[in-house]
Amino acid sequence: MITIIGTGHVFNLAEPVSFIVRNTWPDAVLVELDKGRYEALMNDYNGVKPLGEQKTSAIYQSTSRYQQRMSEQSGARLGNEFLAAINTGRLFDAAIIPIDTDAMRVMNEMWDEMSMGEKLRYRMSSFRDSFGGIKRVEKVHKDFTDSETDYVEDMRRRYPTLVRKLIDERNVYMAEQINALSGTYHNMVVVVGDAHVEGICALLQDDHIRKIRLSDMMDREKMDKIRQMVWDGRESLEG
């Protein structure tokens, strides 16, 4: 069984993610982090100061700062859902495995491969986002939830390189990690950004996949149904 949880990194989802992991009893918890981000997250959680500043690109720094501001505005700690999954999984001696590719390298490649027009659209969008705050993030989440396919295709048309590098290629990479690990672990919880869920699931070889989406966790009534689903051991809300 693979339980894949779609999250939003700037929202406060620690409690629902922890509940799902705790009541799924996984033998492995897989998270959308690369090794460097995983170590940085755990060092920050444990109060360990870095030995020195890691050299990062401007595009990576800008994205990180934006996510940090949005998480603060939503009353969350950036990466709280990953911490919840990791710490809860450790209670059951589950293996904790980061499955993402190097984020900074991918961001740098994306920027290098973008056309001038796409870079301009990206800069303009980032400028608008900086003023929109968490309300704009919530609107994007609603638009994505209302019509995921249309939203992604619109993004693909406006930002083809961004979608290819940040979504498509990472979906393939993470799905490969999950498929390789499924021979060793038989009850895995996978925590990734919600935009990755459908793309990853389409590439998985396991027939038993339970999907829990961000829109469900952020709706109190739907989250209550998820709790019951997890308690009952069902694979979907419709089961």
Protein backbone atom coordinates (compact mmCIF):
# COMPACT_ATOMS: atom_id res chain seq x y z
CA MET A 1 0.00 0.00 0.00
CA ILE A 2 1.19 3.48 -0.89
CA THR A 3 -0.52 6.43 0.82
CA ILE A 4 0.39 9.61 -1.02
CA ILE A 5 -0.38 12.89 0.73
CA GLY A 6 -0.57 16.09 -1.31
CA THR A 7 0.39 19.15 0.72
CA GLY A 8 0.97 22.88 0.40
CA HIS A 9 4.33 23.78 1.89
CA VAL A 10 3.19 27.15 3.28
CA PHE A 11 0.06 25.85 5.05
CA ASN A 12 -0.16 24.51 8.59
CA LEU A 13 -0.73 20.80 7.95
CA ALA A 14 1.37 19.25 10.70
CA GLU A 15 -1.57 17.80 12.64
CA PRO A 16 -3.46 16.10 9.78
CA VAL A 17 -0.23 14.74 8.27
CA SER A 18 0.88 13.42 11.65
CA PHE A 19 -2.53 11.78 12.19
CA ILE A 20 -2.39 10.02 8.82
CA VAL A 21 1.14 8.73 9.36
CA ARG A 22 0.42 7.67 12.95
CA ASN A 23 -2.66 5.66 11.99
CA THR A 24 -1.21 4.16 8.82
CA TRP A 25 1.72 2.50 10.64
CA PRO A 26 4.10 2.75 7.66
CA ASP A 27 7.39 0.94 7.39
CA ALA A 28 8.76 3.88 5.36
CA VAL A 29 8.00 7.60 5.13
CA LEU A 30 9.11 9.25 1.89
CA VAL A 31 9.29 13.04 1.66
CA GLU A 32 9.70 15.55 -1.17
CA LEU A 33 13.11 16.71 -0.04
CA ASP A 34 16.59 16.23 -1.41
CA LYS A 35 19.36 15.22 0.99
CA GLY A 36 20.60 18.77 1.44
CA ARG A 37 17.18 20.21 2.25
CA TYR A 38 16.45 17.26 4.52
CA GLU A 39 19.62 17.87 6.54
CA ALA A 40 18.97 21.62 6.69
CA LEU A 41 15.39 21.04 7.90
CA MET A 42 16.45 18.62 10.61
CA ASN A 43 19.37 20.80 11.74
CA ASP A 44 17.04 23.78 12.05
CA TYR A 45 14.53 21.67 13.99
CA ASN A 46 17.26 20.48 16.37
CA GLY A 47 18.71 23.97 16.81
CA VAL A 48 21.95 23.16 15.01
CA LYS A 49 23.54 26.21 13.39
CA PRO A 50 25.06 25.68 9.93
CA LEU A 51 28.84 25.79 9.76
CA GLY A 52 28.73 28.37 7.01
CA GLU A 53 26.43 29.93 4.46
CA GLN A 54 25.74 27.64 1.54
CA LYS A 55 26.18 29.38 -1.81
CA THR A 56 22.76 29.62 -3.44
CA SER A 57 21.54 31.15 -6.67
CA ALA A 58 19.39 34.29 -6.82
CA ILE A 59 16.36 32.40 -8.17
CA TYR A 60 16.62 29.80 -5.40
CA GLN A 61 17.01 32.44 -2.70
CA SER A 62 14.04 34.42 -4.03
CA THR A 63 11.79 31.34 -4.04
CA SER A 64 12.87 30.33 -0.53
CA ARG A 65 12.26 33.82 0.86
CA TYR A 66 8.82 33.97 -0.72
CA GLN A 67 7.80 30.59 0.73
CA GLN A 68 9.08 31.64 4.13
CA ARG A 69 7.01 34.84 4.08
CA MET A 70 3.87 33.00 2.97
CA SER A 71 4.24 30.34 5.67
CA GLU A 72 4.62 33.05 8.30
CA GLN A 73 1.49 34.81 7.03
CA SER A 74 -0.49 31.56 7.26
CA GLY A 75 0.75 30.94 10.80
CA ALA A 76 2.81 27.93 9.78
CA ARG A 77 6.44 26.91 9.86
CA LEU A 78 7.86 26.22 6.42
CA GLY A 79 8.26 22.48 6.02
CA ASN A 80 6.08 21.69 9.03
CA GLU A 81 4.28 18.89 7.17
CA PHE A 82 7.60 17.18 6.43
CA LEU A 83 8.71 17.48 10.05
CA ALA A 84 5.38 16.03 11.20
CA ALA A 85 5.69 13.07 8.84
CA ILE A 86 9.35 12.46 9.73
CA ASN A 87 8.96 12.70 13.51
CA THR A 88 5.78 10.62 13.56
CA GLY A 89 7.31 7.98 11.30
CA ARG A 90 10.28 7.69 13.63
CA LEU A 91 7.94 6.77 16.49
CA PHE A 92 7.21 3.55 14.60
CA ASP A 93 10.82 2.98 13.48
CA ALA A 94 9.82 3.70 9.89
CA ALA A 95 12.61 4.39 7.44
CA ILE A 96 12.78 8.10 6.59
CA ILE A 97 13.77 8.65 2.96
CA PRO A 98 14.13 11.92 1.01
CA ILE A 99 13.16 11.19 -2.62
CA ASP A 100 13.50 14.51 -4.45
CA THR A 101 16.29 15.55 -6.77
CA ASP A 102 18.58 18.49 -5.96
CA ALA A 103 16.26 21.50 -5.79
CA MET A 104 18.87 24.21 -6.29
CA ARG A 105 20.33 22.49 -9.35
CA VAL A 106 16.87 22.12 -10.87
CA MET A 107 16.00 25.79 -10.22
CA ASN A 108 19.28 26.89 -11.80
CA GLU A 109 18.69 24.66 -14.84
CA MET A 110 15.16 25.99 -15.18
CA TRP A 111 16.37 29.60 -15.21
CA ASP A 112 19.16 28.86 -17.69
CA GLU A 113 16.76 27.10 -20.09
CA MET A 114 13.95 29.67 -19.94
CA SER A 115 13.40 31.93 -22.92
CA MET A 116 13.53 35.68 -22.36
CA GLY A 117 9.75 35.86 -22.70
CA GLU A 118 9.19 33.18 -20.08
CA LYS A 119 11.66 34.86 -17.72
CA LEU A 120 9.79 38.14 -18.11
CA ARG A 121 6.42 36.49 -17.39
CA TYR A 122 7.95 34.74 -14.38
CA ARG A 123 9.35 38.00 -12.99
CA MET A 124 6.03 39.80 -13.46
CA SER A 125 4.13 36.97 -11.76
CA SER A 126 6.60 36.93 -8.85
CA PHE A 127 6.17 40.70 -8.48
CA ARG A 128 2.36 40.35 -8.29
CA ASP A 129 2.66 37.44 -5.86
CA SER A 130 4.86 39.49 -3.55
CA PHE A 131 2.02 41.98 -3.09
CA GLY A 132 -0.81 39.46 -3.05
CA GLY A 133 0.43 37.66 0.06
CA ILE A 134 -1.26 34.59 1.47
CA LYS A 135 -4.60 35.60 -0.07
CA ARG A 136 -3.10 35.13 -3.52
CA VAL A 137 -1.68 31.74 -2.49
CA GLU A 138 -5.14 30.71 -1.32
CA LYS A 139 -6.68 31.86 -4.62
CA VAL A 140 -4.12 29.86 -6.59
CA HIS A 141 -4.95 26.81 -4.46
CA LYS A 142 -8.67 27.29 -5.15
CA ASP A 143 -8.15 27.73 -8.89
CA PHE A 144 -5.98 24.59 -8.96
CA THR A 145 -8.55 22.60 -6.98
CA ASP A 146 -11.48 23.75 -9.14
CA SER A 147 -9.90 22.47 -12.34
CA GLU A 148 -6.51 20.83 -11.90
CA THR A 149 -6.07 19.75 -15.53
CA ASP A 150 -6.98 23.16 -16.97
CA TYR A 151 -4.79 24.95 -14.44
CA VAL A 152 -1.72 22.83 -15.21
CA GLU A 153 -2.21 23.14 -18.96
CA ASP A 154 -2.53 26.92 -18.66
CA MET A 155 0.69 26.96 -16.64
CA ARG A 156 2.35 24.74 -19.24
CA ARG A 157 1.40 27.17 -22.00
CA ARG A 158 2.71 30.24 -20.14
CA TYR A 159 5.67 28.64 -18.36
CA PRO A 160 6.66 25.53 -20.36
CA THR A 161 10.18 25.31 -18.93
CA LEU A 162 9.02 25.80 -15.35
CA VAL A 163 6.43 23.03 -15.60
CA ARG A 164 8.85 20.68 -17.35
CA LYS A 165 11.67 21.22 -14.84
CA LEU A 166 9.78 21.68 -11.57
CA ILE A 167 6.84 19.32 -12.17
CA ASP A 168 7.28 16.82 -15.00
CA GLU A 169 10.93 15.84 -14.54
CA ARG A 170 10.68 15.74 -10.76
CA ASN A 171 7.53 13.58 -11.01
CA VAL A 172 9.52 11.05 -13.02
CA TYR A 173 12.46 11.16 -10.62
CA MET A 174 10.34 10.75 -7.47
CA ALA A 175 8.17 8.02 -9.03
CA GLU A 176 11.35 6.09 -9.88
CA GLN A 177 12.47 6.31 -6.24
CA ILE A 178 9.08 5.12 -5.00
CA ASN A 179 8.95 2.22 -7.47
CA ALA A 180 12.47 1.12 -6.51
CA LEU A 181 11.65 1.26 -2.79
CA SER A 182 8.38 -0.65 -3.16
CA GLY A 183 10.34 -3.86 -3.40
CA THR A 184 11.69 -3.29 0.12
CA TYR A 185 8.85 -1.49 1.88
CA HIS A 186 5.25 -2.62 1.66
CA ASN A 187 3.40 0.13 3.52
CA MET A 188 4.76 3.53 2.52
CA VAL A 189 3.54 7.05 3.19
CA VAL A 190 4.69 9.61 0.61
CA VAL A 191 4.44 13.34 1.38
CA VAL A 192 4.76 15.65 -1.63
CA GLY A 193 3.41 18.94 -2.91
CA ASP A 194 -0.16 18.54 -4.12
CA ALA A 195 0.74 19.46 -7.71
CA HIS A 196 2.88 16.30 -7.91
CA VAL A 197 0.25 13.79 -6.79
CA GLU A 198 -1.47 12.88 -10.06
CA GLY A 199 1.72 12.92 -12.11
CA ILE A 200 3.53 10.63 -9.68
CA CYS A 201 0.59 8.25 -9.27
CA ALA A 202 0.36 7.81 -13.06
CA LEU A 203 3.93 6.45 -13.00
CA LEU A 204 3.67 4.12 -10.01
CA GLN A 205 3.68 0.35 -10.46
CA ASP A 206 1.82 -0.47 -7.24
CA ASP A 207 -1.89 -1.21 -7.70
CA HIS A 208 -2.82 -0.18 -4.17
CA ILE A 209 -2.55 3.61 -3.93
CA ARG A 210 -4.46 5.82 -1.53
CA LYS A 211 -4.48 9.52 -2.43
CA ILE A 212 -5.14 12.24 0.14
CA ARG A 213 -5.28 15.70 -1.40
CA LEU A 214 -4.57 19.14 -0.01
CA SER A 215 -8.12 20.36 -0.66
CA ASP A 216 -9.48 17.51 1.46
CA MET A 217 -7.16 18.20 4.39
CA MET A 218 -8.02 21.90 4.37
CA ASP A 219 -11.75 21.20 4.56
CA ARG A 220 -12.84 20.24 8.10
CA GLU A 221 -15.72 18.01 6.98
CA LYS A 222 -13.59 16.21 4.39
CA MET A 223 -10.75 15.83 6.88
CA ASP A 224 -13.15 14.12 9.28
CA LYS A 225 -13.95 11.65 6.49
CA ILE A 226 -10.24 11.11 5.89
CA ARG A 227 -9.75 10.30 9.57
CA GLN A 228 -12.51 7.70 9.34
CA MET A 229 -11.08 6.34 6.09
CA VAL A 230 -7.65 5.91 7.69
CA TRP A 231 -9.19 4.29 10.78
CA ASP A 232 -11.11 1.86 8.56
CA GLY A 233 -8.08 1.10 6.40
CA ARG A 234 -9.91 2.03 3.21
CA GLU A 235 -8.05 3.10 0.06
CA SER A 236 -10.28 6.05 -0.84
CA LEU A 237 -13.07 8.25 0.48
CA GLU A 238 -15.45 6.49 -1.88
CA GLY A 239 -14.57 3.02 -0.60
